[in-house]
Amino acid sequence: MGVFQLPVKLCDELNTMCTRFWWGQVGNERKIHWKSWDSLSKPKKEGGMGFRDIRCFNLAMLAKQGWRLLKEKDTLLYRCFKAKYFPRCNFLEAGDVNNNSYVWKRIIAAQPILKKGCYWRVGDGSGIRVLKDKWIPNHPTNRVLHPPEEEEWEWRVSELIDWSLKLWDRGLIERRFTMKMRMLYFGFH
């Protein structure tokens, strides 16, 4: 289940088997459903029983493998997949390629889950592209909403840091971003 994507129909059948077991249904015999399956599958903290949707759990397990490809770069799995499927980019930028393995197809199926929830920790900022990567925390898209007039192709976050003070270079940021934001705010073009 950790590297194979279960078919949707199988997941539905497994969920149905769980509901029948929980409600004590045998064969075609009907039992009273005191609680809906949606309320039973809520986390215990929210008053449910904590049952998991099999399909979501399967995708979470596949996303965990994708996370390993992002974080554990010294493993044999990473080195093999990197060489074959994403030699010039990172896992989040990788796509489906011809003649790929069944396992790779399934790990790529969970990639949108990681893309939705991942953003960079800045650190020194040398590996983060200002306009392309998600790096701004507590922001709706985690990206720059209003790019500056002069876009640089490989502009890195490290260029926005004043290294002598180890703080953001506010003057540079204001010069690069504020003018366009003022123009958008006041309606000038």
Protein backbone atom coordinates (compact mmCIF):
# COMPACT_ATOMS: atom_id res chain seq x y z
CA MET A 1 0.00 0.00 0.00
CA GLY A 2 2.99 2.27 0.52
CA VAL A 3 4.22 2.11 -3.09
CA PHE A 4 1.20 0.77 -4.97
CA GLN A 5 -1.89 2.78 -5.72
CA LEU A 6 -4.98 0.76 -4.98
CA PRO A 7 -7.79 0.95 -7.57
CA VAL A 8 -10.68 3.23 -6.61
CA LYS A 9 -13.17 0.37 -6.77
CA LEU A 10 -11.09 -1.74 -4.38
CA CYS A 11 -10.84 1.19 -1.95
CA ASP A 12 -14.62 1.62 -2.08
CA GLU A 13 -15.15 -2.09 -1.43
CA LEU A 14 -12.77 -2.03 1.53
CA ASN A 15 -14.56 1.01 2.97
CA THR A 16 -17.89 -0.80 2.54
CA MET A 17 -16.53 -3.86 4.34
CA CYS A 18 -15.44 -1.65 7.25
CA THR A 19 -18.87 -0.04 7.51
CA ARG A 20 -20.66 -3.38 7.43
CA PHE A 21 -18.39 -4.76 10.11
CA TRP A 22 -18.85 -1.73 12.33
CA TRP A 23 -22.63 -1.71 11.99
CA GLY A 24 -22.83 -5.49 12.46
CA GLN A 25 -24.44 -6.14 9.09
CA VAL A 26 -24.43 -9.79 8.04
CA GLY A 27 -25.38 -10.65 4.47
CA ASN A 28 -28.46 -8.72 3.36
CA GLU A 29 -29.60 -8.15 6.93
CA ARG A 30 -30.15 -4.44 7.62
CA LYS A 31 -29.02 -2.78 10.84
CA ILE A 32 -29.68 0.65 12.24
CA HIS A 33 -26.95 3.14 11.45
CA TRP A 34 -26.75 5.26 14.57
CA LYS A 35 -24.03 7.47 13.09
CA SER A 36 -23.15 8.26 9.48
CA TRP A 37 -19.88 6.97 8.06
CA ASP A 38 -18.72 10.56 7.59
CA SER A 39 -19.02 11.22 11.32
CA LEU A 40 -17.36 7.88 12.20
CA SER A 41 -14.41 8.68 9.92
CA LYS A 42 -13.73 12.01 11.62
CA PRO A 43 -10.66 12.13 13.86
CA LYS A 44 -11.21 11.23 17.51
CA LYS A 45 -10.38 14.80 18.51
CA GLU A 46 -13.40 15.95 16.52
CA GLY A 47 -15.78 13.41 18.08
CA GLY A 48 -15.45 10.64 15.47
CA MET A 49 -14.06 7.14 15.71
CA GLY A 50 -10.95 7.86 13.63
CA PHE A 51 -11.68 5.43 10.79
CA ARG A 52 -9.71 6.27 7.69
CA ASP A 53 -10.84 6.49 4.12
CA ILE A 54 -8.76 3.80 2.41
CA ARG A 55 -8.19 5.84 -0.77
CA CYS A 56 -6.98 8.91 1.11
CA PHE A 57 -4.77 6.74 3.32
CA ASN A 58 -3.28 5.06 0.24
CA LEU A 59 -2.49 8.44 -1.35
CA ALA A 60 -0.96 9.61 1.95
CA MET A 61 1.33 6.57 1.99
CA LEU A 62 2.39 7.30 -1.60
CA ALA A 63 3.00 10.94 -0.68
CA LYS A 64 5.23 9.69 2.14
CA GLN A 65 7.42 7.98 -0.46
CA GLY A 66 7.53 11.23 -2.42
CA TRP A 67 8.54 13.04 0.77
CA ARG A 68 11.38 10.57 1.19
CA LEU A 69 12.53 11.45 -2.34
CA LEU A 70 12.58 15.10 -1.31
CA LYS A 71 14.37 14.70 2.02
CA GLU A 72 16.52 11.55 1.98
CA LYS A 73 18.93 12.15 -0.86
CA ASP A 74 21.53 9.63 0.21
CA THR A 75 19.33 6.54 -0.32
CA LEU A 76 19.65 4.11 -3.18
CA LEU A 77 15.98 4.70 -4.08
CA TYR A 78 16.62 8.43 -4.47
CA ARG A 79 19.76 7.97 -6.57
CA CYS A 80 18.07 5.49 -8.93
CA PHE A 81 14.89 7.53 -9.38
CA LYS A 82 16.84 10.79 -9.69
CA ALA A 83 19.04 9.36 -12.45
CA LYS A 84 16.13 7.95 -14.41
CA TYR A 85 13.11 10.20 -13.81
CA PHE A 86 14.26 13.67 -12.70
CA PRO A 87 17.96 14.18 -13.50
CA ARG A 88 17.77 17.96 -14.01
CA CYS A 89 15.19 18.99 -11.39
CA ASN A 90 13.83 18.04 -7.98
CA PHE A 91 11.00 15.59 -7.28
CA LEU A 92 8.29 18.26 -7.15
CA GLU A 93 9.21 19.44 -10.66
CA ALA A 94 9.42 15.91 -12.09
CA GLY A 95 6.81 14.63 -14.48
CA ASP A 96 5.66 11.44 -16.09
CA VAL A 97 8.16 10.07 -18.62
CA ASN A 98 8.04 7.35 -21.25
CA ASN A 99 8.82 3.78 -20.17
CA ASN A 100 8.47 4.55 -16.48
CA SER A 101 7.95 1.95 -13.80
CA TYR A 102 4.68 1.15 -12.10
CA VAL A 103 6.06 2.39 -8.78
CA TRP A 104 7.14 5.73 -10.30
CA LYS A 105 3.68 6.25 -11.82
CA ARG A 106 2.08 5.70 -8.43
CA ILE A 107 4.46 7.96 -6.53
CA ILE A 108 3.86 10.69 -9.13
CA ALA A 109 0.09 10.24 -8.56
CA ALA A 110 0.59 11.58 -5.01
CA GLN A 111 2.80 14.49 -6.13
CA PRO A 112 -0.10 17.02 -6.10
CA ILE A 113 -0.61 16.34 -2.38
CA LEU A 114 3.00 17.30 -1.70
CA LYS A 115 2.86 20.31 -4.01
CA LYS A 116 -0.19 21.60 -2.20
CA GLY A 117 1.36 21.38 1.24
CA CYS A 118 5.06 22.05 0.67
CA TYR A 119 6.91 25.31 0.88
CA TRP A 120 10.55 26.15 1.49
CA ARG A 121 12.26 27.08 4.70
CA VAL A 122 14.47 29.92 3.64
CA GLY A 123 17.75 29.10 5.44
CA ASP A 124 20.42 30.83 3.35
CA GLY A 125 17.99 31.11 0.41
CA SER A 126 20.48 30.03 -2.23
CA GLY A 127 18.34 27.15 -3.49
CA ILE A 128 15.04 29.04 -3.60
CA ARG A 129 13.89 30.91 -6.70
CA VAL A 130 12.06 34.10 -5.73
CA LEU A 131 9.34 33.98 -8.36
CA LYS A 132 8.87 30.24 -8.98
CA ASP A 133 9.12 28.45 -5.61
CA LYS A 134 6.70 28.46 -2.67
CA TRP A 135 8.65 30.09 0.12
CA ILE A 136 6.53 32.79 1.76
CA PRO A 137 4.90 31.35 4.93
CA ASN A 138 1.39 32.32 6.05
CA HIS A 139 0.52 33.56 2.59
CA PRO A 140 -2.40 32.22 0.50
CA THR A 141 -0.27 30.82 -2.32
CA ASN A 142 3.12 30.84 -0.55
CA ARG A 143 4.43 32.66 -3.64
CA VAL A 144 5.09 36.23 -4.71
CA LEU A 145 1.73 37.63 -5.86
CA HIS A 146 2.95 40.75 -7.65
CA PRO A 147 6.26 40.12 -9.38
CA PRO A 148 8.46 43.15 -10.05
CA GLU A 149 8.66 44.82 -13.45
CA GLU A 150 12.15 43.50 -14.10
CA GLU A 151 11.99 39.74 -13.77
CA GLU A 152 15.25 37.90 -13.43
CA TRP A 153 15.28 34.30 -14.59
CA GLU A 154 17.30 32.73 -11.75
CA TRP A 155 16.67 35.31 -9.05
CA ARG A 156 17.35 33.69 -5.64
CA VAL A 157 15.99 34.54 -2.19
CA SER A 158 19.57 34.83 -0.89
CA GLU A 159 19.83 38.07 -2.92
CA LEU A 160 17.09 39.62 -0.74
CA ILE A 161 19.06 39.12 2.48
CA ASP A 162 21.47 41.63 4.01
CA TRP A 163 24.19 39.21 5.09
CA SER A 164 26.02 41.67 7.32
CA LEU A 165 22.92 42.04 9.55
CA LYS A 166 21.42 38.60 8.74
CA LEU A 167 18.06 40.25 8.09
CA TRP A 168 15.90 40.91 5.05
CA ASP A 169 17.24 43.79 2.97
CA ARG A 170 14.12 45.92 3.31
CA GLY A 171 15.42 48.67 1.05
CA LEU A 172 16.03 46.25 -1.81
CA ILE A 173 12.68 44.53 -1.28
CA GLU A 174 10.84 47.84 -1.28
CA ARG A 175 12.66 49.02 -4.40
CA ARG A 176 11.97 45.75 -6.25
CA PHE A 177 8.36 45.12 -5.21
CA THR A 178 6.70 48.22 -3.79
CA MET A 179 6.56 50.34 -6.96
CA LYS A 180 4.47 47.80 -8.86
CA MET A 181 2.23 47.22 -5.81
CA ARG A 182 1.64 50.98 -5.48
CA MET A 183 0.77 51.17 -9.16
CA LEU A 184 -1.69 48.28 -8.81
CA TYR A 185 -3.17 49.69 -5.60
CA PHE A 186 -3.72 53.22 -6.93
CA GLY A 187 -4.72 52.10 -10.41
CA PHE A 188 -1.72 53.48 -12.33
CA HIS A 189 -0.32 51.53 -15.29
